Amino acid sequence: MHSLGLPSLLSDPSAKTPEEALVHIFGEARRTTPSILYLPQFDVWWETVSAYLVNVFLNELICMPKIYI
């Protein structure tokens, strides 16, 4: 299971930005299928993060092969 919660995105030592952490987590989920992406408190997450991070998230979902959704 891969968490996309704010603490996970902000504390990833290998990422310089939350967007980079998000892309990294999606990449890990693709490599370790089957995987679960966990979004705790999604409503708060959606209202708190930047519009750019929301766009990166939506792009990652759109680009995910249909078999994974």
PDB file of N, CA and C in Angstrom:
ATOM      1  N   MET A   1       0.846  -1.169   0.000  1.00  0.00           N
ATOM      2  CA  MET A   1       0.000   0.000   0.000  1.00  0.00           C
ATOM      3  C   MET A   1       0.894   1.236   0.000  1.00  0.00           C
ATOM      4  N   HIS A   2       0.527   2.205  -0.809  1.00  0.00           N
ATOM      5  CA  HIS A   2       1.284   3.442  -0.943  1.00  0.00           C
ATOM      6  C   HIS A   2       0.399   4.607  -0.510  1.00  0.00           C
ATOM      7  N   SER A   3       0.855   5.349   0.471  1.00  0.00           N
ATOM      8  CA  SER A   3       0.072   6.468   0.981  1.00  0.00           C
ATOM      9  C   SER A   3       0.398   7.752   0.229  1.00  0.00           C
ATOM     10  N   LEU A   4      -0.651   8.469  -0.138  1.00  0.00           N
ATOM     11  CA  LEU A   4      -0.504   9.762  -0.795  1.00  0.00           C
ATOM     12  C   LEU A   4      -0.890  10.894   0.155  1.00  0.00           C
ATOM     13  N   GLY A   5      -0.867  10.610   1.443  1.00  0.00           N
ATOM     14  CA  GLY A   5      -1.187  11.628   2.428  1.00  0.00           C
ATOM     15  C   GLY A   5      -0.150  12.744   2.438  1.00  0.00           C
ATOM     16  N   LEU A   6      -0.549  13.893   2.938  1.00  0.00           N
ATOM     17  CA  LEU A   6       0.368  15.041   2.983  1.00  0.00           C
ATOM     18  C   LEU A   6       1.666  14.727   3.719  1.00  0.00           C
ATOM     19  N   PRO A   7       1.625  14.032   4.871  1.00  0.00           N
ATOM     20  CA  PRO A   7       2.906  13.716   5.532  1.00  0.00           C
ATOM     21  C   PRO A   7       3.841  12.905   4.643  1.00  0.00           C
ATOM     22  N   SER A   8       3.285  11.977   3.877  1.00  0.00           N
ATOM     23  CA  SER A   8       4.119  11.163   2.978  1.00  0.00           C
ATOM     24  C   SER A   8       4.735  12.005   1.873  1.00  0.00           C
ATOM     25  N   LEU A   9       3.951  12.916   1.333  1.00  0.00           N
ATOM     26  CA  LEU A   9       4.452  13.746   0.230  1.00  0.00           C
ATOM     27  C   LEU A   9       5.478  14.763   0.701  1.00  0.00           C
ATOM     28  N   LEU A  10       5.330  15.239   1.929  1.00  0.00           N
ATOM     29  CA  LEU A  10       6.235  16.269   2.433  1.00  0.00           C
ATOM     30  C   LEU A  10       7.494  15.712   3.084  1.00  0.00           C
ATOM     31  N   SER A  11       7.465  14.438   3.456  1.00  0.00           N
ATOM     32  CA  SER A  11       8.618  13.882   4.178  1.00  0.00           C
ATOM     33  C   SER A  11       9.461  12.928   3.342  1.00  0.00           C
ATOM     34  N   ASP A  12       9.168  12.787   2.066  1.00  0.00           N
ATOM     35  CA  ASP A  12       9.955  11.902   1.200  1.00  0.00           C
ATOM     36  C   ASP A  12      11.356  12.481   1.031  1.00  0.00           C
ATOM     37  N   PRO A  13      12.380  11.804   1.567  1.00  0.00           N
ATOM     38  CA  PRO A  13      13.739  12.355   1.504  1.00  0.00           C
ATOM     39  C   PRO A  13      14.338  12.362   0.099  1.00  0.00           C
ATOM     40  N   SER A  14      13.777  11.552  -0.799  1.00  0.00           N
ATOM     41  CA  SER A  14      14.326  11.500  -2.151  1.00  0.00           C
ATOM     42  C   SER A  14      13.680  12.524  -3.085  1.00  0.00           C
ATOM     43  N   ALA A  15      12.674  13.258  -2.594  1.00  0.00           N
ATOM     44  CA  ALA A  15      11.966  14.225  -3.440  1.00  0.00           C
ATOM     45  C   ALA A  15      12.187  15.644  -2.929  1.00  0.00           C
ATOM     46  N   LYS A  16      12.345  16.554  -3.872  1.00  0.00           N
ATOM     47  CA  LYS A  16      12.536  17.961  -3.516  1.00  0.00           C
ATOM     48  C   LYS A  16      11.212  18.698  -3.352  1.00  0.00           C
ATOM     49  N   THR A  17      10.163  18.178  -4.003  1.00  0.00           N
ATOM     50  CA  THR A  17       8.850  18.821  -3.951  1.00  0.00           C
ATOM     51  C   THR A  17       7.775  17.756  -3.724  1.00  0.00           C
ATOM     52  N   PRO A  18       6.597  18.170  -3.252  1.00  0.00           N
ATOM     53  CA  PRO A  18       5.500  17.206  -3.126  1.00  0.00           C
ATOM     54  C   PRO A  18       5.113  16.588  -4.471  1.00  0.00           C
ATOM     55  N   GLU A  19       5.219  17.366  -5.537  1.00  0.00           N
ATOM     56  CA  GLU A  19       4.905  16.836  -6.860  1.00  0.00           C
ATOM     57  C   GLU A  19       5.861  15.707  -7.246  1.00  0.00           C
ATOM     58  N   GLU A  20       7.122  15.908  -6.963  1.00  0.00           N
ATOM     59  CA  GLU A  20       8.121  14.869  -7.249  1.00  0.00           C
ATOM     60  C   GLU A  20       7.855  13.623  -6.402  1.00  0.00           C
ATOM     61  N   ALA A  21       7.481  13.816  -5.152  1.00  0.00           N
ATOM     62  CA  ALA A  21       7.155  12.687  -4.276  1.00  0.00           C
ATOM     63  C   ALA A  21       5.947  11.927  -4.804  1.00  0.00           C
ATOM     64  N   LEU A  22       4.949  12.657  -5.293  1.00  0.00           N
ATOM     65  CA  LEU A  22       3.750  12.032  -5.838  1.00  0.00           C
ATOM     66  C   LEU A  22       4.081  11.175  -7.055  1.00  0.00           C
ATOM     67  N   VAL A  23       4.883  11.702  -7.959  1.00  0.00           N
ATOM     68  CA  VAL A  23       5.292  10.949  -9.151  1.00  0.00           C
ATOM     69  C   VAL A  23       6.092   9.715  -8.732  1.00  0.00           C
ATOM     70  N   HIS A  24       6.932   9.852  -7.735  1.00  0.00           N
ATOM     71  CA  HIS A  24       7.730   8.732  -7.227  1.00  0.00           C
ATOM     72  C   HIS A  24       6.819   7.636  -6.664  1.00  0.00           C
ATOM     73  N   ILE A  25       5.808   8.020  -5.892  1.00  0.00           N
ATOM     74  CA  ILE A  25       4.900   7.039  -5.299  1.00  0.00           C
ATOM     75  C   ILE A  25       4.105   6.318  -6.382  1.00  0.00           C
ATOM     76  N   PHE A  26       3.626   7.044  -7.379  1.00  0.00           N
ATOM     77  CA  PHE A  26       2.913   6.400  -8.483  1.00  0.00           C
ATOM     78  C   PHE A  26       3.844   5.434  -9.225  1.00  0.00           C
ATOM     79  N   GLY A  27       5.094   5.818  -9.426  1.00  0.00           N
ATOM     80  CA  GLY A  27       6.055   4.933 -10.084  1.00  0.00           C
ATOM     81  C   GLY A  27       6.283   3.662  -9.288  1.00  0.00           C
ATOM     82  N   GLU A  28       6.408   3.805  -7.979  1.00  0.00           N
ATOM     83  CA  GLU A  28       6.579   2.626  -7.109  1.00  0.00           C
ATOM     84  C   GLU A  28       5.350   1.740  -7.181  1.00  0.00           C
ATOM     85  N   ALA A  29       4.169   2.333  -7.207  1.00  0.00           N
ATOM     86  CA  ALA A  29       2.937   1.544  -7.291  1.00  0.00           C
ATOM     87  C   ALA A  29       2.878   0.760  -8.606  1.00  0.00           C
ATOM     88  N   ARG A  30       3.323   1.370  -9.688  1.00  0.00           N
ATOM     89  CA  ARG A  30       3.333   0.670 -10.985  1.00  0.00           C
ATOM     90  C   ARG A  30       4.314  -0.497 -10.968  1.00  0.00           C
ATOM     91  N   ARG A  31       5.461  -0.301 -10.316  1.00  0.00           N
ATOM     92  CA  ARG A  31       6.495  -1.342 -10.292  1.00  0.00           C
ATOM     93  C   ARG A  31       6.133  -2.504  -9.383  1.00  0.00           C
ATOM     94  N   THR A  32       5.305  -2.264  -8.390  1.00  0.00           N
ATOM     95  CA  THR A  32       5.009  -3.302  -7.401  1.00  0.00           C
ATOM     96  C   THR A  32       3.542  -3.730  -7.468  1.00  0.00           C
ATOM     97  N   THR A  33       3.043  -3.927  -8.677  1.00  0.00           N
ATOM     98  CA  THR A  33       1.641  -4.329  -8.828  1.00  0.00           C
ATOM     99  C   THR A  33       1.442  -5.748  -8.324  1.00  0.00           C
ATOM    100  N   PRO A  34       0.324  -6.076  -7.761  1.00  0.00           N
ATOM    101  CA  PRO A  34      -0.805  -5.191  -7.498  1.00  0.00           C
ATOM    102  C   PRO A  34      -0.495  -4.262  -6.328  1.00  0.00           C
ATOM    103  N   SER A  35      -0.983  -3.065  -6.423  1.00  0.00           N
ATOM    104  CA  SER A  35      -0.741  -2.044  -5.397  1.00  0.00           C
ATOM    105  C   SER A  35      -2.032  -1.325  -5.054  1.00  0.00           C
ATOM    106  N   ILE A  36      -2.005  -0.719  -3.882  1.00  0.00           N
ATOM    107  CA  ILE A  36      -3.122   0.105  -3.432  1.00  0.00           C
ATOM    108  C   ILE A  36      -2.575   1.500  -3.174  1.00  0.00           C
ATOM    109  N   LEU A  37      -3.240   2.508  -3.737  1.00  0.00           N
ATOM    110  CA  LEU A  37      -2.912   3.899  -3.446  1.00  0.00           C
ATOM    111  C   LEU A  37      -3.912   4.390  -2.418  1.00  0.00           C
ATOM    112  N   TYR A  38      -3.413   4.774  -1.268  1.00  0.00           N
ATOM    113  CA  TYR A  38      -4.265   5.199  -0.158  1.00  0.00           C
ATOM    114  C   TYR A  38      -4.208   6.714  -0.032  1.00  0.00           C
ATOM    115  N   LEU A  39      -5.378   7.352  -0.043  1.00  0.00           N
ATOM    116  CA  LEU A  39      -5.478   8.807   0.091  1.00  0.00           C
ATOM    117  C   LEU A  39      -6.261   9.134   1.361  1.00  0.00           C
ATOM    118  N   PRO A  40      -5.574   9.218   2.495  1.00  0.00           N
ATOM    119  CA  PRO A  40      -6.292   9.535   3.731  1.00  0.00           C
ATOM    120  C   PRO A  40      -6.824  10.959   3.697  1.00  0.00           C
ATOM    121  N   GLN A  41      -8.021  11.132   4.200  1.00  0.00           N
ATOM    122  CA  GLN A  41      -8.669  12.441   4.257  1.00  0.00           C
ATOM    123  C   GLN A  41      -8.587  13.153   2.907  1.00  0.00           C
ATOM    124  N   PHE A  42      -9.084  12.483   1.887  1.00  0.00           N
ATOM    125  CA  PHE A  42      -8.978  13.002   0.526  1.00  0.00           C
ATOM    126  C   PHE A  42      -9.603  14.376   0.378  1.00  0.00           C
ATOM    127  N   ASP A  43     -10.709  14.630   1.046  1.00  0.00           N
ATOM    128  CA  ASP A  43     -11.359  15.939   0.931  1.00  0.00           C
ATOM    129  C   ASP A  43     -10.468  17.056   1.460  1.00  0.00           C
ATOM    130  N   VAL A  44      -9.775  16.808   2.567  1.00  0.00           N
ATOM    131  CA  VAL A  44      -8.847  17.796   3.122  1.00  0.00           C
ATOM    132  C   VAL A  44      -7.632  17.936   2.210  1.00  0.00           C
ATOM    133  N   TRP A  45      -7.132  16.816   1.723  1.00  0.00           N
ATOM    134  CA  TRP A  45      -5.984  16.808   0.807  1.00  0.00           C
ATOM    135  C   TRP A  45      -6.281  17.680  -0.402  1.00  0.00           C
ATOM    136  N   TRP A  46      -7.459  17.460  -1.012  1.00  0.00           N
ATOM    137  CA  TRP A  46      -7.839  18.165  -2.235  1.00  0.00           C
ATOM    138  C   TRP A  46      -7.914  19.670  -2.007  1.00  0.00           C
ATOM    139  N   GLU A  47      -8.406  20.087  -0.858  1.00  0.00           N
ATOM    140  CA  GLU A  47      -8.557  21.508  -0.552  1.00  0.00           C
ATOM    141  C   GLU A  47      -7.249  22.162  -0.095  1.00  0.00           C
ATOM    142  N   THR A  48      -6.293  21.367   0.348  1.00  0.00           N
ATOM    143  CA  THR A  48      -5.058  21.892   0.939  1.00  0.00           C
ATOM    144  C   THR A  48      -3.919  22.037  -0.058  1.00  0.00           C
ATOM    145  N   VAL A  49      -3.783  21.082  -0.959  1.00  0.00           N
ATOM    146  CA  VAL A  49      -2.623  21.074  -1.855  1.00  0.00           C
ATOM    147  C   VAL A  49      -2.776  22.106  -2.968  1.00  0.00           C
ATOM    148  N   SER A  50      -1.674  22.381  -3.629  1.00  0.00           N
ATOM    149  CA  SER A  50      -1.670  23.364  -4.719  1.00  0.00           C
ATOM    150  C   SER A  50      -2.399  22.823  -5.946  1.00  0.00           C
ATOM    151  N   ALA A  51      -2.837  23.738  -6.790  1.00  0.00           N
ATOM    152  CA  ALA A  51      -3.498  23.352  -8.044  1.00  0.00           C
ATOM    153  C   ALA A  51      -2.544  22.541  -8.913  1.00  0.00           C
ATOM    154  N   TYR A  52      -1.267  22.865  -8.849  1.00  0.00           N
ATOM    155  CA  TYR A  52      -0.269  22.127  -9.636  1.00  0.00           C
ATOM    156  C   TYR A  52      -0.195  20.672  -9.176  1.00  0.00           C
ATOM    157  N   LEU A  53      -0.211  20.443  -7.855  1.00  0.00           N
ATOM    158  CA  LEU A  53      -0.166  19.080  -7.337  1.00  0.00           C
ATOM    159  C   LEU A  53      -1.433  18.321  -7.727  1.00  0.00           C
ATOM    160  N   VAL A  54      -2.578  18.971  -7.699  1.00  0.00           N
ATOM    161  CA  VAL A  54      -3.822  18.338  -8.140  1.00  0.00           C
ATOM    162  C   VAL A  54      -3.705  17.928  -9.602  1.00  0.00           C
ATOM    163  N   ASN A  55      -3.151  18.807 -10.437  1.00  0.00           N
ATOM    164  CA  ASN A  55      -2.984  18.486 -11.860  1.00  0.00           C
ATOM    165  C   ASN A  55      -2.025  17.327 -12.071  1.00  0.00           C
ATOM    166  N   VAL A  56      -0.949  17.277 -11.294  1.00  0.00           N
ATOM    167  CA  VAL A  56      -0.009  16.151 -11.390  1.00  0.00           C
ATOM    168  C   VAL A  56      -0.722  14.858 -10.990  1.00  0.00           C
ATOM    169  N   PHE A  57      -1.508  14.908  -9.924  1.00  0.00           N
ATOM    170  CA  PHE A  57      -2.263  13.747  -9.466  1.00  0.00           C
ATOM    171  C   PHE A  57      -3.224  13.260 -10.552  1.00  0.00           C
ATOM    172  N   LEU A  58      -3.994  14.179 -11.118  1.00  0.00           N
ATOM    173  CA  LEU A  58      -4.949  13.804 -12.169  1.00  0.00           C
ATOM    174  C   LEU A  58      -4.237  13.253 -13.395  1.00  0.00           C
ATOM    175  N   ASN A  59      -3.114  13.835 -13.764  1.00  0.00           N
ATOM    176  CA  ASN A  59      -2.340  13.335 -14.897  1.00  0.00           C
ATOM    177  C   ASN A  59      -1.835  11.915 -14.638  1.00  0.00           C
ATOM    178  N   GLU A  60      -1.361  11.663 -13.436  1.00  0.00           N
ATOM    179  CA  GLU A  60      -0.891  10.314 -13.096  1.00  0.00           C
ATOM    180  C   GLU A  60      -2.038   9.311 -13.192  1.00  0.00           C
ATOM    181  N   LEU A  61      -3.223   9.691 -12.736  1.00  0.00           N
ATOM    182  CA  LEU A  61      -4.370   8.795 -12.832  1.00  0.00           C
ATOM    183  C   LEU A  61      -4.755   8.532 -14.285  1.00  0.00           C
ATOM    184  N   ILE A  62      -4.769   9.595 -15.093  1.00  0.00           N
ATOM    185  CA  ILE A  62      -5.143   9.462 -16.493  1.00  0.00           C
ATOM    186  C   ILE A  62      -4.146   8.569 -17.245  1.00  0.00           C
ATOM    187  N   CYS A  63      -2.869   8.700 -16.907  1.00  0.00           N
ATOM    188  CA  CYS A  63      -1.823   7.951 -17.617  1.00  0.00           C
ATOM    189  C   CYS A  63      -1.682   6.513 -17.126  1.00  0.00           C
ATOM    190  N   MET A  64      -2.353   6.169 -16.038  1.00  0.00           N
ATOM    191  CA  MET A  64      -2.266   4.815 -15.519  1.00  0.00           C
ATOM    192  C   MET A  64      -3.025   3.873 -16.455  1.00  0.00           C
ATOM    193  N   PRO A  65      -2.416   2.763 -16.809  1.00  0.00           N
ATOM    194  CA  PRO A  65      -3.110   1.805 -17.687  1.00  0.00           C
ATOM    195  C   PRO A  65      -4.456   1.391 -17.076  1.00  0.00           C
ATOM    196  N   LYS A  66      -5.440   1.223 -17.914  1.00  0.00           N
ATOM    197  CA  LYS A  66      -6.800   0.919 -17.452  1.00  0.00           C
ATOM    198  C   LYS A  66      -6.870  -0.337 -16.592  1.00  0.00           C
ATOM    199  N   ILE A  67      -5.985  -1.255 -16.816  1.00  0.00           N
ATOM    200  CA  ILE A  67      -6.022  -2.500 -16.041  1.00  0.00           C
ATOM    201  C   ILE A  67      -5.770  -2.249 -14.546  1.00  0.00           C
ATOM    202  N   TYR A  68      -5.107  -1.153 -14.229  1.00  0.00           N
ATOM    203  CA  TYR A  68      -4.770  -0.850 -12.843  1.00  0.00           C
ATOM    204  C   TYR A  68      -5.878  -0.114 -12.091  1.00  0.00           C
ATOM    205  N   ILE A  69      -6.844   0.419 -12.808  1.00  0.00           N
ATOM    206  CA  ILE A  69      -7.874   1.223 -12.149  1.00  0.00           C
ATOM    207  C   ILE A  69      -9.055   0.358 -11.756  1.00  0.00           C
TER     208      ILE A  69
END
